[in-house]
Amino acid sequence: MHVAFSRDDPTRKIYVQDLMRQQRELIVKVILEQKGSLFLCGNSKMGLDVQHLLKEFIGEEEFKNLDKEKRLIKELWG
């Protein structure tokens, strides 16, 4: 488990996207090769940023498949 705290320490903000970049190879492997799912919960801005980054990692077509196959579960709020 990797945890991102953007409000815990104002001198050292860590965002979900930062951790995703560190784990890019693993994310791609799990999503594409192992048909993993992604559960995305939190603020809408963060959710959009994470989705853009995921598209960058796996490509637009694979991202659409992930959503279509209901392997991308989103619970985002305003």
Protein backbone atom coordinates (compact mmCIF):
# COMPACT_ATOMS: atom_id res chain seq x y z
CA MET A 1 0.00 0.00 0.00
CA HIS A 2 1.26 3.46 -0.90
CA VAL A 3 -0.27 6.44 0.85
CA ALA A 4 -0.21 10.05 -0.37
CA PHE A 5 -0.67 12.87 2.11
CA SER A 6 -0.94 16.28 0.50
CA ARG A 7 -2.09 18.07 3.65
CA ASP A 8 -0.18 16.28 6.43
CA ASP A 9 3.10 18.18 6.12
CA PRO A 10 2.93 21.54 4.28
CA THR A 11 6.66 21.40 3.51
CA ARG A 12 6.44 17.99 1.81
CA LYS A 13 3.26 17.39 -0.18
CA ILE A 14 2.85 13.96 -1.77
CA TYR A 15 0.12 13.45 -4.33
CA VAL A 16 -1.38 10.26 -5.75
CA GLN A 17 0.08 11.17 -9.13
CA ASP A 18 3.59 11.33 -7.63
CA LEU A 19 3.26 7.79 -6.30
CA MET A 20 1.79 6.60 -9.58
CA ARG A 21 4.82 7.90 -11.47
CA GLN A 22 7.09 5.98 -9.09
CA GLN A 23 5.08 2.79 -9.69
CA ARG A 24 4.43 3.21 -13.42
CA GLU A 25 5.84 -0.16 -14.50
CA LEU A 26 3.85 -2.04 -11.86
CA ILE A 27 0.62 -0.19 -12.69
CA VAL A 28 0.98 -0.94 -16.40
CA LYS A 29 1.76 -4.59 -15.71
CA VAL A 30 -1.19 -5.09 -13.37
CA ILE A 31 -3.68 -3.23 -15.57
CA LEU A 32 -2.63 -4.62 -18.95
CA GLU A 33 -1.07 -8.03 -18.32
CA GLN A 34 -2.96 -9.16 -15.24
CA LYS A 35 -6.28 -7.46 -16.12
CA GLY A 36 -6.31 -5.61 -12.79
CA SER A 37 -8.88 -3.06 -11.69
CA LEU A 38 -8.44 0.47 -10.42
CA PHE A 39 -10.57 1.94 -7.65
CA LEU A 40 -10.37 5.71 -7.72
CA CYS A 41 -11.89 7.54 -4.75
CA GLY A 42 -11.54 11.15 -3.68
CA ASN A 43 -11.65 14.68 -4.94
CA SER A 44 -12.77 15.23 -8.56
CA LYS A 45 -9.64 17.23 -9.47
CA MET A 46 -7.37 14.47 -8.22
CA GLY A 47 -9.52 11.92 -10.01
CA LEU A 48 -9.22 13.72 -13.33
CA ASP A 49 -5.46 14.11 -12.90
CA VAL A 50 -5.08 10.41 -12.10
CA GLN A 51 -7.17 9.43 -15.12
CA HIS A 52 -5.06 11.64 -17.43
CA LEU A 53 -1.90 10.06 -16.08
CA LEU A 54 -3.32 6.56 -16.46
CA LYS A 55 -4.18 7.35 -20.11
CA GLU A 56 -0.57 8.44 -20.56
CA PHE A 57 0.65 5.14 -19.08
CA ILE A 58 -1.62 2.70 -20.95
CA GLY A 59 -2.93 4.67 -23.93
CA GLU A 60 -6.34 6.05 -24.80
CA GLU A 61 -7.75 2.82 -26.26
CA GLU A 62 -6.73 0.66 -23.29
CA PHE A 63 -8.15 3.30 -20.94
CA LYS A 64 -11.50 3.13 -22.77
CA ASN A 65 -11.43 -0.68 -22.47
CA LEU A 66 -10.68 -0.43 -18.76
CA ASP A 67 -13.74 1.78 -18.31
CA LYS A 68 -15.94 -0.30 -20.64
CA GLU A 69 -14.98 -3.54 -18.84
CA LYS A 70 -15.88 -1.89 -15.53
CA ARG A 71 -12.34 -2.31 -14.21
CA LEU A 72 -12.16 1.42 -13.49
CA ILE A 73 -14.41 2.19 -10.55
CA LYS A 74 -14.73 5.90 -9.68
CA GLU A 75 -16.18 7.55 -6.60
CA LEU A 76 -15.33 11.22 -6.99
CA TRP A 77 -16.80 14.30 -5.40
CA GLY A 78 -16.55 18.01 -5.74
